[in-house]
Amino acid sequence: MRVLGVDPGLTRCGVGVVEGVAGRPLTMVGVGVVRTPADAELGLRLVAIEQGIEAWLDEHRPEFVAVERVFSQHNVRTVMGTAQASAVAMLCAARRGIPVALHTPSEVKAAVTGSGRADKAQVGAMVTRLLRLDAPPKPADAADALALAICHIWRAPAQHRLQQAVAQNRLQQAVALHAARTPNASKGRTA
């Protein structure tokens, strides 16, 4: 499985591609940051992020895109920029038919470090160890993007099984409900 992780941000949008399967060593395919100038007009910044993500999708051809789920912070302006960059990443993937998964920061931290409260240094250290890198990716946004990809690779099989179980349960409930509503439908017919 090849996953593009996206740590959304207007000034620095972390991107990282990881390949592998749960339970096996993972490989970093690429890591970087899509940057935009803080003084540029918002629309132009979003276009630059789109172009950067499109270039990563073209070059690395991921099967999935994992994006950090935007959560409420105290600074509404920061949340808005993060949400806008996140939407651009989801749009780029959707346009190509690539499935998108959203993971919260605490899910990613817990998956990679074992603690949902880990700090950026701990995440960077574990990403370095898990991907057998010489040094933590810089800036932290790049390490966070790799952590998102790792989280998705590790969580996707369990999430897929859960989704299948829920779908099967809904199907069984629908069949049972239909049978309960029409118990004598076949008895009333004549040949």
N, C-alpha and C. Protein backbone atom coordinates (compact mmCIF):
# COMPACT_ATOMS: atom_id res chain seq x y z
N MET A 1 0.85 -1.17 0.00
CA MET A 1 0.00 0.00 0.00
C MET A 1 0.90 1.23 0.00
N ARG A 2 0.57 2.19 -0.86
CA ARG A 2 1.32 3.45 -0.93
C ARG A 2 0.38 4.57 -0.51
N VAL A 3 0.81 5.34 0.50
CA VAL A 3 -0.04 6.38 1.08
C VAL A 3 0.69 7.71 1.06
N LEU A 4 -0.02 8.75 0.60
CA LEU A 4 0.46 10.12 0.70
C LEU A 4 -0.15 10.71 1.96
N GLY A 5 0.67 11.07 2.91
CA GLY A 5 0.20 11.76 4.11
C GLY A 5 0.29 13.26 3.89
N VAL A 6 -0.74 13.99 4.33
CA VAL A 6 -0.76 15.44 4.18
C VAL A 6 -1.04 16.08 5.53
N ASP A 7 -0.07 16.88 6.00
CA ASP A 7 -0.25 17.67 7.22
C ASP A 7 -0.58 19.08 6.76
N PRO A 8 -1.89 19.41 6.69
CA PRO A 8 -2.31 20.64 6.04
C PRO A 8 -1.89 21.91 6.78
N GLY A 9 -1.55 22.91 6.01
CA GLY A 9 -1.22 24.23 6.53
C GLY A 9 -1.07 25.18 5.37
N LEU A 10 -1.35 26.44 5.60
CA LEU A 10 -1.24 27.42 4.52
C LEU A 10 0.20 27.81 4.23
N THR A 11 1.01 28.00 5.26
CA THR A 11 2.39 28.41 5.06
C THR A 11 3.27 27.21 4.74
N ARG A 12 3.09 26.12 5.51
CA ARG A 12 3.83 24.88 5.30
C ARG A 12 2.83 23.73 5.31
N CYS A 13 2.70 23.07 4.18
CA CYS A 13 1.83 21.89 4.07
C CYS A 13 2.75 20.69 3.92
N GLY A 14 2.86 19.90 4.99
CA GLY A 14 3.74 18.74 4.96
C GLY A 14 3.18 17.64 4.08
N VAL A 15 4.05 17.00 3.30
CA VAL A 15 3.67 15.87 2.45
C VAL A 15 4.71 14.77 2.60
N GLY A 16 4.23 13.54 2.66
CA GLY A 16 5.15 12.42 2.78
C GLY A 16 4.51 11.16 2.24
N VAL A 17 5.27 10.36 1.53
CA VAL A 17 4.76 9.12 0.95
C VAL A 17 5.47 7.95 1.61
N VAL A 18 4.65 7.01 2.10
CA VAL A 18 5.16 5.80 2.73
C VAL A 18 4.54 4.60 2.03
N GLU A 19 5.34 3.55 1.89
CA GLU A 19 4.87 2.34 1.25
C GLU A 19 5.08 1.17 2.20
N GLY A 20 4.11 0.24 2.21
CA GLY A 20 4.24 -0.96 3.02
C GLY A 20 2.89 -1.50 3.44
N VAL A 21 2.94 -2.49 4.32
CA VAL A 21 1.72 -3.08 4.87
C VAL A 21 1.91 -3.23 6.37
N ALA A 22 0.80 -3.31 7.07
CA ALA A 22 0.83 -3.46 8.53
C ALA A 22 1.59 -4.73 8.89
N GLY A 23 2.44 -4.62 9.89
CA GLY A 23 3.18 -5.77 10.36
C GLY A 23 4.50 -6.02 9.67
N ARG A 24 4.81 -5.21 8.67
CA ARG A 24 6.08 -5.34 7.94
C ARG A 24 6.82 -4.01 7.99
N PRO A 25 8.13 -4.03 7.76
CA PRO A 25 8.87 -2.76 7.73
C PRO A 25 8.32 -1.84 6.63
N LEU A 26 8.25 -0.57 6.94
CA LEU A 26 7.74 0.43 6.00
C LEU A 26 8.90 1.15 5.32
N THR A 27 8.61 1.74 4.17
CA THR A 27 9.63 2.46 3.41
C THR A 27 9.14 3.87 3.09
N MET A 28 10.00 4.85 3.37
CA MET A 28 9.69 6.22 2.96
C MET A 28 10.03 6.34 1.48
N VAL A 29 9.06 6.82 0.71
CA VAL A 29 9.25 7.02 -0.72
C VAL A 29 9.66 8.46 -1.00
N GLY A 30 9.10 9.40 -0.23
CA GLY A 30 9.43 10.81 -0.41
C GLY A 30 8.86 11.63 0.72
N VAL A 31 9.47 12.77 0.98
CA VAL A 31 8.98 13.67 2.03
C VAL A 31 9.34 15.10 1.65
N GLY A 32 8.47 16.03 2.01
CA GLY A 32 8.74 17.43 1.71
C GLY A 32 7.68 18.34 2.28
N VAL A 33 7.72 19.58 1.86
CA VAL A 33 6.79 20.60 2.31
C VAL A 33 6.41 21.46 1.12
N VAL A 34 5.12 21.70 0.97
CA VAL A 34 4.63 22.66 -0.01
C VAL A 34 4.52 23.99 0.74
N ARG A 35 5.27 24.99 0.31
CA ARG A 35 5.32 26.28 1.01
C ARG A 35 4.60 27.36 0.22
N THR A 36 3.98 28.28 0.97
CA THR A 36 3.40 29.47 0.35
C THR A 36 3.80 30.68 1.18
N PRO A 37 3.98 31.83 0.53
CA PRO A 37 4.34 33.05 1.28
C PRO A 37 3.17 33.55 2.13
N ALA A 38 3.44 33.87 3.37
CA ALA A 38 2.40 34.32 4.30
C ALA A 38 1.74 35.62 3.84
N ASP A 39 2.45 36.42 3.06
CA ASP A 39 1.89 37.71 2.64
C ASP A 39 1.14 37.63 1.30
N ALA A 40 1.08 36.45 0.70
CA ALA A 40 0.37 36.29 -0.59
C ALA A 40 -1.14 36.25 -0.36
N GLU A 41 -1.88 36.56 -1.40
CA GLU A 41 -3.35 36.52 -1.35
C GLU A 41 -3.80 35.08 -1.15
N LEU A 42 -4.85 34.88 -0.35
CA LEU A 42 -5.31 33.55 0.03
C LEU A 42 -5.56 32.65 -1.18
N GLY A 43 -6.27 33.15 -2.17
CA GLY A 43 -6.57 32.33 -3.35
C GLY A 43 -5.31 31.82 -4.03
N LEU A 44 -4.29 32.66 -4.14
CA LEU A 44 -3.04 32.26 -4.76
C LEU A 44 -2.31 31.22 -3.92
N ARG A 45 -2.43 31.34 -2.59
CA ARG A 45 -1.80 30.35 -1.71
C ARG A 45 -2.46 28.98 -1.89
N LEU A 46 -3.78 28.98 -2.00
CA LEU A 46 -4.50 27.71 -2.19
C LEU A 46 -4.16 27.08 -3.53
N VAL A 47 -4.02 27.91 -4.56
CA VAL A 47 -3.61 27.39 -5.87
C VAL A 47 -2.21 26.79 -5.78
N ALA A 48 -1.31 27.44 -5.06
CA ALA A 48 0.06 26.91 -4.91
C ALA A 48 0.04 25.57 -4.18
N ILE A 49 -0.80 25.45 -3.17
CA ILE A 49 -0.92 24.18 -2.44
C ILE A 49 -1.48 23.11 -3.38
N GLU A 50 -2.51 23.47 -4.15
CA GLU A 50 -3.08 22.51 -5.10
C GLU A 50 -2.02 22.03 -6.08
N GLN A 51 -1.25 22.95 -6.63
CA GLN A 51 -0.23 22.59 -7.61
C GLN A 51 0.84 21.69 -6.97
N GLY A 52 1.20 22.00 -5.74
CA GLY A 52 2.18 21.18 -5.05
C GLY A 52 1.68 19.77 -4.79
N ILE A 53 0.45 19.65 -4.32
CA ILE A 53 -0.12 18.32 -4.04
C ILE A 53 -0.32 17.54 -5.34
N GLU A 54 -0.78 18.22 -6.39
CA GLU A 54 -0.93 17.56 -7.68
C GLU A 54 0.41 17.01 -8.17
N ALA A 55 1.48 17.76 -7.97
CA ALA A 55 2.81 17.29 -8.38
C ALA A 55 3.20 16.04 -7.60
N TRP A 56 2.89 16.00 -6.30
CA TRP A 56 3.19 14.82 -5.49
C TRP A 56 2.35 13.63 -5.95
N LEU A 57 1.09 13.87 -6.27
CA LEU A 57 0.23 12.79 -6.75
C LEU A 57 0.73 12.26 -8.09
N ASP A 58 1.15 13.16 -8.98
CA ASP A 58 1.69 12.75 -10.28
C ASP A 58 2.95 11.91 -10.12
N GLU A 59 3.84 12.38 -9.26
CA GLU A 59 5.14 11.72 -9.13
C GLU A 59 5.06 10.38 -8.39
N HIS A 60 4.24 10.31 -7.34
CA HIS A 60 4.28 9.13 -6.46
C HIS A 60 3.10 8.17 -6.62
N ARG A 61 2.04 8.58 -7.27
CA ARG A 61 0.89 7.71 -7.55
C ARG A 61 0.41 6.91 -6.33
N PRO A 62 0.02 7.59 -5.25
CA PRO A 62 -0.43 6.86 -4.05
C PRO A 62 -1.78 6.20 -4.28
N GLU A 63 -2.02 5.14 -3.51
CA GLU A 63 -3.31 4.45 -3.55
C GLU A 63 -4.31 5.08 -2.59
N PHE A 64 -3.79 5.77 -1.57
CA PHE A 64 -4.61 6.43 -0.57
C PHE A 64 -3.98 7.76 -0.20
N VAL A 65 -4.80 8.68 0.26
CA VAL A 65 -4.32 9.95 0.81
C VAL A 65 -4.85 10.05 2.23
N ALA A 66 -3.94 10.27 3.17
CA ALA A 66 -4.31 10.42 4.58
C ALA A 66 -4.06 11.88 4.97
N VAL A 67 -5.12 12.54 5.43
CA VAL A 67 -5.06 13.96 5.77
C VAL A 67 -5.37 14.13 7.26
N GLU A 68 -4.65 15.04 7.89
CA GLU A 68 -4.93 15.31 9.30
C GLU A 68 -6.30 15.97 9.42
N ARG A 69 -7.13 15.41 10.28
CA ARG A 69 -8.46 15.97 10.53
C ARG A 69 -8.29 17.28 11.29
N VAL A 70 -8.92 18.33 10.78
CA VAL A 70 -8.82 19.64 11.41
C VAL A 70 -9.60 19.61 12.72
N PHE A 71 -8.97 20.11 13.76
CA PHE A 71 -9.62 20.16 15.06
C PHE A 71 -9.63 21.60 15.55
N SER A 72 -10.51 21.89 16.48
CA SER A 72 -10.67 23.25 16.97
C SER A 72 -9.47 23.68 17.80
N GLN A 73 -8.97 24.83 17.49
CA GLN A 73 -7.89 25.44 18.27
C GLN A 73 -8.40 26.78 18.78
N HIS A 74 -7.57 27.44 19.55
CA HIS A 74 -7.97 28.75 20.05
C HIS A 74 -7.91 29.81 18.96
N ASN A 75 -7.00 29.68 18.02
CA ASN A 75 -6.82 30.66 16.97
C ASN A 75 -7.67 30.28 15.75
N VAL A 76 -8.81 30.95 15.59
CA VAL A 76 -9.75 30.64 14.51
C VAL A 76 -9.10 30.85 13.14
N ARG A 77 -8.26 31.84 13.03
CA ARG A 77 -7.60 32.11 11.75
C ARG A 77 -6.72 30.93 11.33
N THR A 78 -5.99 30.36 12.28
CA THR A 78 -5.15 29.20 11.99
C THR A 78 -6.01 28.01 11.59
N VAL A 79 -7.12 27.80 12.29
CA VAL A 79 -8.02 26.69 11.98
C VAL A 79 -8.57 26.85 10.57
N MET A 80 -8.96 28.05 10.20
CA MET A 80 -9.51 28.28 8.86
C MET A 80 -8.48 27.96 7.78
N GLY A 81 -7.25 28.41 7.95
CA GLY A 81 -6.21 28.14 6.97
C GLY A 81 -5.92 26.65 6.86
N THR A 82 -5.87 25.99 8.00
CA THR A 82 -5.63 24.55 8.01
C THR A 82 -6.77 23.82 7.31
N ALA A 83 -8.00 24.22 7.60
CA ALA A 83 -9.17 23.59 6.98
C ALA A 83 -9.17 23.81 5.46
N GLN A 84 -8.78 25.00 5.03
CA GLN A 84 -8.75 25.28 3.60
C GLN A 84 -7.68 24.44 2.90
N ALA A 85 -6.51 24.32 3.49
CA ALA A 85 -5.45 23.49 2.91
C ALA A 85 -5.87 22.02 2.91
N SER A 86 -6.54 21.59 3.96
CA SER A 86 -7.04 20.22 4.05
C SER A 86 -8.04 19.95 2.93
N ALA A 87 -8.93 20.89 2.69
CA ALA A 87 -9.93 20.73 1.63
C ALA A 87 -9.27 20.63 0.26
N VAL A 88 -8.22 21.39 0.04
CA VAL A 88 -7.51 21.33 -1.24
C VAL A 88 -6.92 19.93 -1.43
N ALA A 89 -6.31 19.37 -0.39
CA ALA A 89 -5.73 18.02 -0.48
C ALA A 89 -6.82 16.99 -0.78
N MET A 90 -7.96 17.10 -0.10
CA MET A 90 -9.05 16.15 -0.33
C MET A 90 -9.60 16.29 -1.75
N LEU A 91 -9.72 17.51 -2.23
CA LEU A 91 -10.20 17.77 -3.58
C LEU A 91 -9.27 17.16 -4.63
N CYS A 92 -7.96 17.36 -4.46
CA CYS A 92 -6.99 16.81 -5.41
C CYS A 92 -7.11 15.29 -5.48
N ALA A 93 -7.24 14.65 -4.33
CA ALA A 93 -7.36 13.19 -4.30
C ALA A 93 -8.69 12.74 -4.91
N ALA A 94 -9.77 13.40 -4.53
CA ALA A 94 -11.10 13.02 -5.03
C ALA A 94 -11.20 13.17 -6.54
N ARG A 95 -10.58 14.19 -7.06
CA ARG A 95 -10.59 14.43 -8.50
C ARG A 95 -9.98 13.24 -9.25
N ARG A 96 -9.06 12.54 -8.62
CA ARG A 96 -8.39 11.39 -9.24
C ARG A 96 -9.01 10.06 -8.81
N GLY A 97 -10.02 10.11 -7.95
CA GLY A 97 -10.65 8.89 -7.47
C GLY A 97 -9.82 8.16 -6.42
N ILE A 98 -8.92 8.87 -5.76
CA ILE A 98 -8.09 8.27 -4.71
C ILE A 98 -8.83 8.40 -3.38
N PRO A 99 -9.02 7.28 -2.66
CA PRO A 99 -9.70 7.36 -1.37
C PRO A 99 -8.92 8.23 -0.38
N VAL A 100 -9.68 9.00 0.41
CA VAL A 100 -9.11 9.89 1.42
C VAL A 100 -9.54 9.41 2.80
N ALA A 101 -8.59 9.37 3.72
CA ALA A 101 -8.88 9.05 5.11
C ALA A 101 -8.46 10.24 5.96
N LEU A 102 -9.27 10.55 6.95
CA LEU A 102 -8.94 11.62 7.89
C LEU A 102 -8.57 11.00 9.23
N HIS A 103 -7.48 11.46 9.80
CA HIS A 103 -7.02 10.97 11.10
C HIS A 103 -6.78 12.17 12.02
N THR A 104 -7.23 12.07 13.25
CA THR A 104 -7.00 13.16 14.21
C THR A 104 -5.54 13.15 14.65
N PRO A 105 -5.05 14.30 15.11
CA PRO A 105 -3.67 14.33 15.61
C PRO A 105 -3.42 13.31 16.72
N SER A 106 -4.37 13.13 17.62
CA SER A 106 -4.15 12.17 18.72
C SER A 106 -4.14 10.73 18.20
N GLU A 107 -4.94 10.41 17.17
CA GLU A 107 -4.89 9.07 16.55
C GLU A 107 -3.51 8.81 15.95
N VAL A 108 -2.99 9.80 15.27
CA VAL A 108 -1.69 9.65 14.61
C VAL A 108 -0.60 9.47 15.66
N LYS A 109 -0.61 10.33 16.68
CA LYS A 109 0.40 10.24 17.74
C LYS A 109 0.33 8.89 18.43
N ALA A 110 -0.88 8.43 18.74
CA ALA A 110 -1.04 7.14 19.42
C ALA A 110 -0.55 5.99 18.54
N ALA A 111 -0.85 6.06 17.24
CA ALA A 111 -0.44 4.99 16.34
C ALA A 111 1.08 4.91 16.21
N VAL A 112 1.73 6.06 16.16
CA VAL A 112 3.16 6.10 15.90
C VAL A 112 4.00 6.00 17.17
N THR A 113 3.54 6.62 18.27
CA THR A 113 4.36 6.65 19.49
C THR A 113 3.79 5.81 20.62
N GLY A 114 2.50 5.47 20.53
CA GLY A 114 1.86 4.76 21.64
C GLY A 114 1.16 5.69 22.60
N SER A 115 1.31 7.00 22.41
CA SER A 115 0.65 7.98 23.28
C SER A 115 0.01 9.07 22.43
N GLY A 116 -1.27 9.31 22.65
CA GLY A 116 -1.98 10.36 21.92
C GLY A 116 -1.58 11.76 22.34
N ARG A 117 -0.74 11.86 23.37
CA ARG A 117 -0.28 13.16 23.86
C ARG A 117 1.20 13.42 23.54
N ALA A 118 1.77 12.63 22.68
CA ALA A 118 3.19 12.78 22.34
C ALA A 118 3.44 14.16 21.73
N ASP A 119 4.65 14.69 21.96
CA ASP A 119 4.98 15.98 21.37
C ASP A 119 5.63 15.77 20.00
N LYS A 120 5.89 16.87 19.31
CA LYS A 120 6.43 16.78 17.94
C LYS A 120 7.79 16.08 17.90
N ALA A 121 8.60 16.29 18.91
CA ALA A 121 9.92 15.65 18.95
C ALA A 121 9.78 14.13 19.06
N GLN A 122 8.83 13.67 19.86
CA GLN A 122 8.61 12.23 20.00
C GLN A 122 8.10 11.63 18.69
N VAL A 123 7.19 12.34 18.03
CA VAL A 123 6.67 11.86 16.74
C VAL A 123 7.81 11.78 15.73
N GLY A 124 8.62 12.83 15.66
CA GLY A 124 9.75 12.84 14.73
C GLY A 124 10.73 11.72 15.00
N ALA A 125 11.00 11.46 16.28
CA ALA A 125 11.93 10.38 16.65
C ALA A 125 11.39 9.02 16.24
N MET A 126 10.10 8.79 16.46
CA MET A 126 9.52 7.49 16.10
C MET A 126 9.41 7.32 14.58
N VAL A 127 9.08 8.39 13.87
CA VAL A 127 9.04 8.31 12.40
C VAL A 127 10.43 7.94 11.88
N THR A 128 11.46 8.57 12.46
CA THR A 128 12.84 8.28 12.08
C THR A 128 13.16 6.80 12.31
N ARG A 129 12.76 6.30 13.45
CA ARG A 129 13.04 4.91 13.80
C ARG A 129 12.26 3.93 12.92
N LEU A 130 10.95 4.21 12.77
CA LEU A 130 10.09 3.29 12.01
C LEU A 130 10.48 3.21 10.54
N LEU A 131 10.94 4.32 9.99
CA LEU A 131 11.31 4.35 8.57
C LEU A 131 12.81 4.16 8.36
N ARG A 132 13.54 3.92 9.45
CA ARG A 132 14.97 3.67 9.40
C ARG A 132 15.71 4.82 8.68
N LEU A 133 15.41 6.06 9.12
CA LEU A 133 16.04 7.24 8.54
C LEU A 133 17.26 7.62 9.37
N ASP A 134 18.15 8.40 8.79
CA ASP A 134 19.34 8.86 9.51
C ASP A 134 19.03 9.97 10.50
N ALA A 135 18.01 10.78 10.18
CA ALA A 135 17.65 11.91 11.03
C ALA A 135 16.16 12.20 10.86
N PRO A 136 15.57 12.85 11.85
CA PRO A 136 14.15 13.21 11.71
C PRO A 136 13.94 14.17 10.55
N PRO A 137 12.87 13.97 9.78
CA PRO A 137 12.58 14.90 8.68
C PRO A 137 12.31 16.30 9.24
N LYS A 138 12.80 17.30 8.54
CA LYS A 138 12.60 18.70 8.94
C LYS A 138 11.86 19.41 7.82
N PRO A 139 10.98 20.34 8.10
CA PRO A 139 10.48 20.71 9.43
C PRO A 139 9.53 19.65 9.98
N ALA A 140 8.99 19.91 11.14
CA ALA A 140 8.10 18.96 11.81
C ALA A 140 6.88 18.63 10.95
N ASP A 141 6.45 19.55 10.10
CA ASP A 141 5.29 19.30 9.22
C ASP A 141 5.56 18.10 8.30
N ALA A 142 6.81 17.95 7.86
CA ALA A 142 7.17 16.83 7.00
C ALA A 142 7.12 15.52 7.78
N ALA A 143 7.64 15.53 9.00
CA ALA A 143 7.58 14.33 9.85
C ALA A 143 6.13 13.97 10.17
N ASP A 144 5.30 14.99 10.41
CA ASP A 144 3.88 14.74 10.70
C ASP A 144 3.18 14.11 9.50
N ALA A 145 3.54 14.52 8.29
CA ALA A 145 2.94 13.94 7.08
C ALA A 145 3.30 12.46 6.97
N LEU A 146 4.55 12.12 7.26
CA LEU A 146 4.96 10.71 7.25
C LEU A 146 4.22 9.92 8.33
N ALA A 147 4.05 10.55 9.50
CA ALA A 147 3.32 9.89 10.59
C ALA A 147 1.88 9.61 10.18
N LEU A 148 1.26 10.52 9.46
CA LEU A 148 -0.11 10.30 8.96
C LEU A 148 -0.16 9.10 8.02
N ALA A 149 0.81 9.01 7.13
CA ALA A 149 0.85 7.88 6.20
C ALA A 149 1.06 6.56 6.95
N ILE A 150 1.96 6.56 7.92
CA ILE A 150 2.20 5.36 8.73
C ILE A 150 0.94 4.97 9.47
N CYS A 151 0.30 5.94 10.10
CA CYS A 151 -0.95 5.69 10.83
C CYS A 151 -1.97 5.03 9.92
N HIS A 152 -2.12 5.55 8.72
CA HIS A 152 -3.13 4.99 7.82
C HIS A 152 -2.79 3.56 7.42
N ILE A 153 -1.54 3.31 7.11
CA ILE A 153 -1.14 1.95 6.73
C ILE A 153 -1.45 0.98 7.87
N TRP A 154 -1.17 1.37 9.09
CA TRP A 154 -1.39 0.49 10.22
C TRP A 154 -2.86 0.35 10.59
N ARG A 155 -3.64 1.41 10.42
CA ARG A 155 -5.04 1.39 10.84
C ARG A 155 -5.99 0.92 9.74
N ALA A 156 -5.61 1.05 8.48
CA ALA A 156 -6.51 0.75 7.36
C ALA A 156 -7.07 -0.67 7.39
N PRO A 157 -6.27 -1.70 7.64
CA PRO A 157 -6.86 -3.05 7.64
C PRO A 157 -7.95 -3.22 8.70
N ALA A 158 -7.72 -2.71 9.89
CA ALA A 158 -8.72 -2.81 10.95
C ALA A 158 -9.95 -1.98 10.62
N GLN A 159 -9.74 -0.79 10.09
CA GLN A 159 -10.87 0.06 9.71
C GLN A 159 -11.69 -0.59 8.60
N HIS A 160 -11.02 -1.22 7.65
CA HIS A 160 -11.72 -1.89 6.55
C HIS A 160 -12.57 -3.04 7.08
N ARG A 161 -12.00 -3.84 7.98
CA ARG A 161 -12.76 -4.96 8.57
C ARG A 161 -13.96 -4.43 9.35
N LEU A 162 -13.78 -3.33 10.07
CA LEU A 162 -14.89 -2.73 10.83
C LEU A 162 -15.97 -2.24 9.88
N GLN A 163 -15.59 -1.57 8.80
CA GLN A 163 -16.57 -1.08 7.83
C GLN A 163 -17.33 -2.24 7.20
N GLN A 164 -16.62 -3.33 6.89
CA GLN A 164 -17.30 -4.50 6.32
C GLN A 164 -18.28 -5.10 7.32
N ALA A 165 -17.88 -5.17 8.58
CA ALA A 165 -18.77 -5.73 9.61
C ALA A 165 -20.01 -4.87 9.78
N VAL A 166 -19.84 -3.56 9.78
CA VAL A 166 -20.99 -2.65 9.90
C VAL A 166 -21.91 -2.80 8.70
N ALA A 167 -21.35 -2.87 7.50
CA ALA A 167 -22.16 -3.04 6.29
C ALA A 167 -22.90 -4.37 6.32
N GLN A 168 -22.24 -5.43 6.74
CA GLN A 168 -22.88 -6.75 6.83
C GLN A 168 -24.02 -6.72 7.85
N ASN A 169 -23.78 -6.07 8.98
CA ASN A 169 -24.80 -5.96 10.02
C ASN A 169 -26.02 -5.18 9.49
N ARG A 170 -25.78 -4.09 8.78
CA ARG A 170 -26.89 -3.31 8.22
C ARG A 170 -27.69 -4.13 7.21
N LEU A 171 -26.98 -4.91 6.40
CA LEU A 171 -27.65 -5.76 5.42
C LEU A 171 -28.51 -6.80 6.13
N GLN A 172 -27.98 -7.43 7.16
CA GLN A 172 -28.75 -8.42 7.91
C GLN A 172 -29.98 -7.79 8.57
N GLN A 173 -29.82 -6.59 9.10
CA GLN A 173 -30.96 -5.89 9.71
C GLN A 173 -32.02 -5.56 8.67
N ALA A 174 -31.59 -5.13 7.48
CA ALA A 174 -32.54 -4.80 6.42
C ALA A 174 -33.30 -6.04 5.96
N VAL A 175 -32.61 -7.16 5.83
CA VAL A 175 -33.26 -8.41 5.43
C VAL A 175 -34.25 -8.84 6.51
N ALA A 176 -33.85 -8.75 7.76
CA ALA A 176 -34.74 -9.14 8.86
C ALA A 176 -35.96 -8.22 8.92
N LEU A 177 -35.77 -6.94 8.73
CA LEU A 177 -36.88 -5.99 8.74
C LEU A 177 -37.84 -6.27 7.59
N HIS A 178 -37.29 -6.54 6.42
CA HIS A 178 -38.12 -6.87 5.26
C HIS A 178 -38.92 -8.15 5.51
N ALA A 179 -38.27 -9.15 6.07
CA ALA A 179 -38.95 -10.42 6.37
C ALA A 179 -40.04 -10.22 7.41
N ALA A 180 -39.81 -9.35 8.38
CA ALA A 180 -40.80 -9.10 9.43
C ALA A 180 -42.03 -8.37 8.87
N ARG A 181 -41.81 -7.53 7.89
CA ARG A 181 -42.91 -6.76 7.31
C ARG A 181 -43.74 -7.59 6.33
N THR A 182 -43.15 -8.63 5.75
CA THR A 182 -43.86 -9.43 4.74
C THR A 182 -43.80 -10.92 5.08
N PRO A 183 -44.31 -11.31 6.26
CA PRO A 183 -44.18 -12.72 6.65
C PRO A 183 -45.02 -13.67 5.80
N ASN A 184 -46.17 -13.25 5.30
CA ASN A 184 -47.05 -14.14 4.57
C ASN A 184 -47.18 -13.75 3.10
N ALA A 185 -46.26 -12.98 2.61
CA ALA A 185 -46.38 -12.51 1.24
C ALA A 185 -46.38 -13.66 0.25
N SER A 186 -45.57 -14.68 0.49
CA SER A 186 -45.51 -15.78 -0.48
C SER A 186 -46.69 -16.75 -0.30
N LYS A 187 -47.32 -16.79 0.90
CA LYS A 187 -48.44 -17.71 1.14
C LYS A 187 -49.72 -17.25 0.46
N GLY A 188 -49.86 -15.96 0.26
CA GLY A 188 -51.10 -15.44 -0.30
C GLY A 188 -51.20 -15.57 -1.80
N ARG A 189 -50.14 -15.97 -2.45
CA ARG A 189 -50.15 -16.08 -3.92
C ARG A 189 -50.71 -17.45 -4.33
N THR A 190 -51.39 -17.44 -5.46
CA THR A 190 -51.91 -18.69 -6.02
C THR A 190 -51.13 -19.04 -7.27
N ALA A 191 -51.04 -20.33 -7.54
CA ALA A 191 -50.26 -20.77 -8.69
C ALA A 191 -51.11 -20.86 -9.93
